[in-house]
Structure formats: C-alpha cells, structure tokens
PDB file of N, CA and C in Angstrom:
ATOM      1  N   MET A   1     121.361  71.187 119.856  1.00  0.00           N
ATOM      2  CA  MET A   1     120.244  70.319 120.139  1.00  0.00           C
ATOM      3  C   MET A   1     119.444  70.117 118.852  1.00  0.00           C
ATOM      4  N   PRO A   2     119.259  68.886 118.384  1.00  0.00           N
ATOM      5  CA  PRO A   2     118.537  68.652 117.120  1.00  0.00           C
ATOM      6  C   PRO A   2     117.044  68.904 117.277  1.00  0.00           C
ATOM      7  N   ARG A   3     116.462  69.398 116.219  1.00  0.00           N
ATOM      8  CA  ARG A   3     115.018  69.640 116.216  1.00  0.00           C
ATOM      9  C   ARG A   3     114.289  68.347 115.911  1.00  0.00           C
ATOM     10  N   SER A   4     113.088  68.217 116.410  1.00  0.00           N
ATOM     11  CA  SER A   4     112.319  67.006 116.137  1.00  0.00           C
ATOM     12  C   SER A   4     111.749  67.074 114.721  1.00  0.00           C
ATOM     13  N   ILE A   5     111.367  65.927 114.209  1.00  0.00           N
ATOM     14  CA  ILE A   5     110.812  65.857 112.853  1.00  0.00           C
ATOM     15  C   ILE A   5     109.497  66.630 112.766  1.00  0.00           C
ATOM     16  N   ALA A   6     108.666  66.565 113.812  1.00  0.00           N
ATOM     17  CA  ALA A   6     107.365  67.246 113.787  1.00  0.00           C
ATOM     18  C   ALA A   6     107.536  68.756 113.714  1.00  0.00           C
ATOM     19  N   ALA A   7     108.569  69.275 114.348  1.00  0.00           N
ATOM     20  CA  ALA A   7     108.761  70.722 114.362  1.00  0.00           C
ATOM     21  C   ALA A   7     109.550  71.218 113.160  1.00  0.00           C
ATOM     22  N   SER A   8     110.052  70.318 112.337  1.00  0.00           N
ATOM     23  CA  SER A   8     110.894  70.754 111.233  1.00  0.00           C
ATOM     24  C   SER A   8     110.113  71.054 109.957  1.00  0.00           C
ATOM     25  N   GLY A   9     108.872  70.600 109.848  1.00  0.00           N
ATOM     26  CA  GLY A   9     108.080  70.842 108.645  1.00  0.00           C
ATOM     27  C   GLY A   9     107.533  72.258 108.615  1.00  0.00           C
ATOM     28  N   PRO A  10     107.029  72.698 107.470  1.00  0.00           N
ATOM     29  CA  PRO A  10     106.526  74.067 107.358  1.00  0.00           C
ATOM     30  C   PRO A  10     105.312  74.328 108.248  1.00  0.00           C
ATOM     31  N   LEU A  11     104.508  73.298 108.512  1.00  0.00           N
ATOM     32  CA  LEU A  11     103.337  73.500 109.361  1.00  0.00           C
ATOM     33  C   LEU A  11     103.602  73.042 110.790  1.00  0.00           C
ATOM     34  N   GLY A  12     104.760  72.480 111.062  1.00  0.00           N
ATOM     35  CA  GLY A  12     105.079  72.000 112.385  1.00  0.00           C
ATOM     36  C   GLY A  12     105.607  73.093 113.289  1.00  0.00           C
ATOM     37  N   SER A  13     106.048  74.175 112.738  1.00  0.00           N
ATOM     38  CA  SER A  13     106.584  75.249 113.555  1.00  0.00           C
ATOM     39  C   SER A  13     105.548  76.355 113.712  1.00  0.00           C
ATOM     40  N   ARG A  14     105.776  77.170 114.688  1.00  0.00           N
ATOM     41  CA  ARG A  14     104.859  78.293 114.940  1.00  0.00           C
ATOM     42  C   ARG A  14     104.889  79.278 113.769  1.00  0.00           C
ATOM     43  N   ASP A  15     106.066  79.447 113.178  1.00  0.00           N
ATOM     44  CA  ASP A  15     106.215  80.352 112.033  1.00  0.00           C
ATOM     45  C   ASP A  15     105.357  79.894 110.854  1.00  0.00           C
ATOM     46  N   GLY A  16     105.349  78.589 110.605  1.00  0.00           N
ATOM     47  CA  GLY A  16     104.545  78.048 109.506  1.00  0.00           C
ATOM     48  C   GLY A  16     103.066  78.237 109.735  1.00  0.00           C
ATOM     49  N   LEU A  17     102.630  78.087 110.988  1.00  0.00           N
ATOM     50  CA  LEU A  17     101.209  78.284 111.301  1.00  0.00           C
ATOM     51  C   LEU A  17     100.803  79.734 111.103  1.00  0.00           C
ATOM     52  N   CYS A  18     101.689  80.645 111.460  1.00  0.00           N
ATOM     53  CA  CYS A  18     101.385  82.065 111.267  1.00  0.00           C
ATOM     54  C   CYS A  18     101.267  82.389 109.782  1.00  0.00           C
ATOM     55  N   ARG A  19     102.152  81.813 108.981  1.00  0.00           N
ATOM     56  CA  ARG A  19     102.077  82.054 107.539  1.00  0.00           C
ATOM     57  C   ARG A  19     100.810  81.468 106.945  1.00  0.00           C
ATOM     58  N   THR A  20     100.414  80.281 107.410  1.00  0.00           N
ATOM     59  CA  THR A  20      99.193  79.650 106.912  1.00  0.00           C
ATOM     60  C   THR A  20      97.980  80.476 107.291  1.00  0.00           C
ATOM     61  N   SER A  21      97.938  80.958 108.520  1.00  0.00           N
ATOM     62  CA  SER A  21      96.829  81.790 108.992  1.00  0.00           C
ATOM     63  C   SER A  21      96.758  83.083 108.184  1.00  0.00           C
ATOM     64  N   SER A  22      97.904  83.676 107.934  1.00  0.00           N
ATOM     65  CA  SER A  22      97.957  84.911 107.157  1.00  0.00           C
ATOM     66  C   SER A  22      97.486  84.675 105.722  1.00  0.00           C
ATOM     67  N   LEU A  23      97.862  83.543 105.165  1.00  0.00           N
ATOM     68  CA  LEU A  23      97.447  83.215 103.799  1.00  0.00           C
ATOM     69  C   LEU A  23      95.939  83.027 103.717  1.00  0.00           C
ATOM     70  N   LEU A  24      95.358  82.342 104.704  1.00  0.00           N
ATOM     71  CA  LEU A  24      93.906  82.142 104.707  1.00  0.00           C
ATOM     72  C   LEU A  24      93.166  83.458 104.856  1.00  0.00           C
ATOM     73  N   ARG A  25      93.697  84.365 105.693  1.00  0.00           N
ATOM     74  CA  ARG A  25      93.090  85.677 105.845  1.00  0.00           C
ATOM     75  C   ARG A  25      93.156  86.459 104.541  1.00  0.00           C
ATOM     76  N   SER A  26      94.276  86.339 103.847  1.00  0.00           N
ATOM     77  CA  SER A  26      94.467  87.027 102.577  1.00  0.00           C
ATOM     78  C   SER A  26      93.474  86.515 101.528  1.00  0.00           C
ATOM     79  N   ILE A  27      93.265  85.208 101.496  1.00  0.00           N
ATOM     80  CA  ILE A  27      92.324  84.622 100.539  1.00  0.00           C
ATOM     81  C   ILE A  27      90.897  85.067 100.858  1.00  0.00           C
ATOM     82  N   ALA A  28      90.548  85.107 102.145  1.00  0.00           N
ATOM     83  CA  ALA A  28      89.210  85.550 102.540  1.00  0.00           C
ATOM     84  C   ALA A  28      88.993  87.010 102.148  1.00  0.00           C
ATOM     85  N   MET A  29      90.010  87.837 102.319  1.00  0.00           N
ATOM     86  CA  MET A  29      89.888  89.255 101.953  1.00  0.00           C
ATOM     87  C   MET A  29      89.723  89.389 100.448  1.00  0.00           C
ATOM     88  N   MET A  30      90.421  88.578  99.671  1.00  0.00           N
ATOM     89  CA  MET A  30      90.281  88.620  98.215  1.00  0.00           C
ATOM     90  C   MET A  30      88.881  88.182  97.802  1.00  0.00           C
ATOM     91  N   ASP A  31      88.314  87.184  98.483  1.00  0.00           N
ATOM     92  CA  ASP A  31      86.940  86.757  98.195  1.00  0.00           C
ATOM     93  C   ASP A  31      85.962  87.903  98.427  1.00  0.00           C
ATOM     94  N   LEU A  32      86.117  88.599  99.543  1.00  0.00           N
ATOM     95  CA  LEU A  32      85.228  89.728  99.845  1.00  0.00           C
ATOM     96  C   LEU A  32      85.389  90.854  98.827  1.00  0.00           C
ATOM     97  N   LEU A  33      86.614  91.101  98.417  1.00  0.00           N
ATOM     98  CA  LEU A  33      86.868  92.134  97.411  1.00  0.00           C
ATOM     99  C   LEU A  33      86.206  91.777  96.077  1.00  0.00           C
ATOM    100  N   MET A  34      86.304  90.526  95.667  1.00  0.00           N
ATOM    101  CA  MET A  34      85.689  90.097  94.405  1.00  0.00           C
ATOM    102  C   MET A  34      84.157  90.169  94.475  1.00  0.00           C
ATOM    103  N   LEU A  35      83.580  89.808  95.616  1.00  0.00           N
ATOM    104  CA  LEU A  35      82.128  89.932  95.778  1.00  0.00           C
ATOM    105  C   LEU A  35      81.696  91.395  95.704  1.00  0.00           C
ATOM    106  N   ALA A  36      82.434  92.267  96.365  1.00  0.00           N
ATOM    107  CA  ALA A  36      82.110  93.699  96.334  1.00  0.00           C
ATOM    108  C   ALA A  36      82.216  94.245  94.913  1.00  0.00           C
ATOM    109  N   LEU A  37      83.255  93.856  94.193  1.00  0.00           N
ATOM    110  CA  LEU A  37      83.404  94.313  92.810  1.00  0.00           C
ATOM    111  C   LEU A  37      82.276  93.776  91.922  1.00  0.00           C
ATOM    112  N   GLY A  38      81.878  92.541  92.154  1.00  0.00           N
ATOM    113  CA  GLY A  38      80.770  91.968  91.385  1.00  0.00           C
ATOM    114  C   GLY A  38      79.479  92.728  91.614  1.00  0.00           C
ATOM    115  N   PHE A  39      79.173  93.024  92.885  1.00  0.00           N
ATOM    116  CA  PHE A  39      77.960  93.796  93.190  1.00  0.00           C
ATOM    117  C   PHE A  39      78.039  95.198  92.600  1.00  0.00           C
ATOM    118  N   PHE A  40      79.223  95.813  92.658  1.00  0.00           N
ATOM    119  CA  PHE A  40      79.398  97.156  92.104  1.00  0.00           C
ATOM    120  C   PHE A  40      79.128  97.170  90.601  1.00  0.00           C
ATOM    121  N   PHE A  41      79.702  96.226  89.877  1.00  0.00           N
ATOM    122  CA  PHE A  41      79.495  96.208  88.427  1.00  0.00           C
ATOM    123  C   PHE A  41      78.062  95.825  88.065  1.00  0.00           C
ATOM    124  N   PHE A  42      77.423  95.001  88.886  1.00  0.00           N
ATOM    125  CA  PHE A  42      76.015  94.677  88.655  1.00  0.00           C
ATOM    126  C   PHE A  42      75.160  95.927  88.815  1.00  0.00           C
ATOM    127  N   ALA A  43      75.401  96.694  89.873  1.00  0.00           N
ATOM    128  CA  ALA A  43      74.665  97.949  90.092  1.00  0.00           C
ATOM    129  C   ALA A  43      74.966  98.949  88.975  1.00  0.00           C
ATOM    130  N   LEU A  44      76.192  98.994  88.530  1.00  0.00           N
ATOM    131  CA  LEU A  44      76.570  99.884  87.432  1.00  0.00           C
ATOM    132  C   LEU A  44      75.833  99.506  86.150  1.00  0.00           C
ATOM    133  N   ALA A  45      75.688  98.218  85.879  1.00  0.00           N
ATOM    134  CA  ALA A  45      74.978  97.765  84.686  1.00  0.00           C
ATOM    135  C   ALA A  45      73.493  98.129  84.767  1.00  0.00           C
ATOM    136  N   ILE A  46      72.905  97.994  85.956  1.00  0.00           N
ATOM    137  CA  ILE A  46      71.495  98.375  86.119  1.00  0.00           C
ATOM    138  C   ILE A  46      71.335  99.883  85.930  1.00  0.00           C
ATOM    139  N   GLY A  47      72.243 100.660  86.500  1.00  0.00           N
ATOM    140  CA  GLY A  47      72.200 102.115  86.318  1.00  0.00           C
ATOM    141  C   GLY A  47      72.360 102.502  84.863  1.00  0.00           C
ATOM    142  N   TYR A  48      73.233 101.837  84.150  1.00  0.00           N
ATOM    143  CA  TYR A  48      73.444 102.107  82.728  1.00  0.00           C
ATOM    144  C   TYR A  48      72.186 101.776  81.931  1.00  0.00           C
ATOM    145  N   THR A  49      71.521 100.695  82.298  1.00  0.00           N
ATOM    146  CA  THR A  49      70.275 100.307  81.617  1.00  0.00           C
ATOM    147  C   THR A  49      69.199 101.370  81.816  1.00  0.00           C
ATOM    148  N   TYR A  50      69.040 101.835  83.055  1.00  0.00           N
ATOM    149  CA  TYR A  50      68.059 102.881  83.326  1.00  0.00           C
ATOM    150  C   TYR A  50      68.404 104.175  82.595  1.00  0.00           C
ATOM    151  N   ALA A  51      69.681 104.517  82.535  1.00  0.00           N
ATOM    152  CA  ALA A  51      70.104 105.742  81.832  1.00  0.00           C
ATOM    153  C   ALA A  51      69.812 105.621  80.339  1.00  0.00           C
ATOM    154  N   CYS A  52      70.035 104.464  79.746  1.00  0.00           N
ATOM    155  CA  CYS A  52      69.761 104.285  78.323  1.00  0.00           C
ATOM    156  C   CYS A  52      68.269 104.310  78.033  1.00  0.00           C
ATOM    157  N   GLU A  53      67.452 103.828  78.970  1.00  0.00           N
ATOM    158  CA  GLU A  53      65.997 103.840  78.786  1.00  0.00           C
ATOM    159  C   GLU A  53      65.478 105.268  78.740  1.00  0.00           C
ATOM    160  N   ARG A  54      66.092 106.159  79.501  1.00  0.00           N
ATOM    161  CA  ARG A  54      65.625 107.543  79.556  1.00  0.00           C
ATOM    162  C   ARG A  54      65.974 108.316  78.303  1.00  0.00           C
ATOM    163  N   LEU A  55      66.963 107.844  77.555  1.00  0.00           N
ATOM    164  CA  LEU A  55      67.358 108.561  76.331  1.00  0.00           C
ATOM    165  C   LEU A  55      66.443 108.255  75.219  1.00  0.00           C
TER     166      LEU A  55
END
C-alpha cells in the first residue's frame, strides 16, 4: 500500500513530530543551562571583586 505524500515528509509522520519535539526540548534545556552558567559566572565575578577589595 503506497504512503501518501503528506505522510512521507519528515514532519508528516509521527516519528518526525517526535524528533522535532525532542529537538525543541533540547534547545530549551540548552537555553536554561546557558542562563544558569551566565548567572553563576556573574556571581563569581562579584565574589572575586569583593575578595580583592578585602586584600
């Protein structure tokens, strides 16, 4: 039985939608990781500044 054109594309099948959803989740997790790292290094820089002031 031939597959229809709509179901033959990467986003037309259920498998393609799952991969797209997984990719979007992965990108969102990377965004959160980068924000957390940015805040961490900002706090580290402030701590370093305070430590240098005390010396």
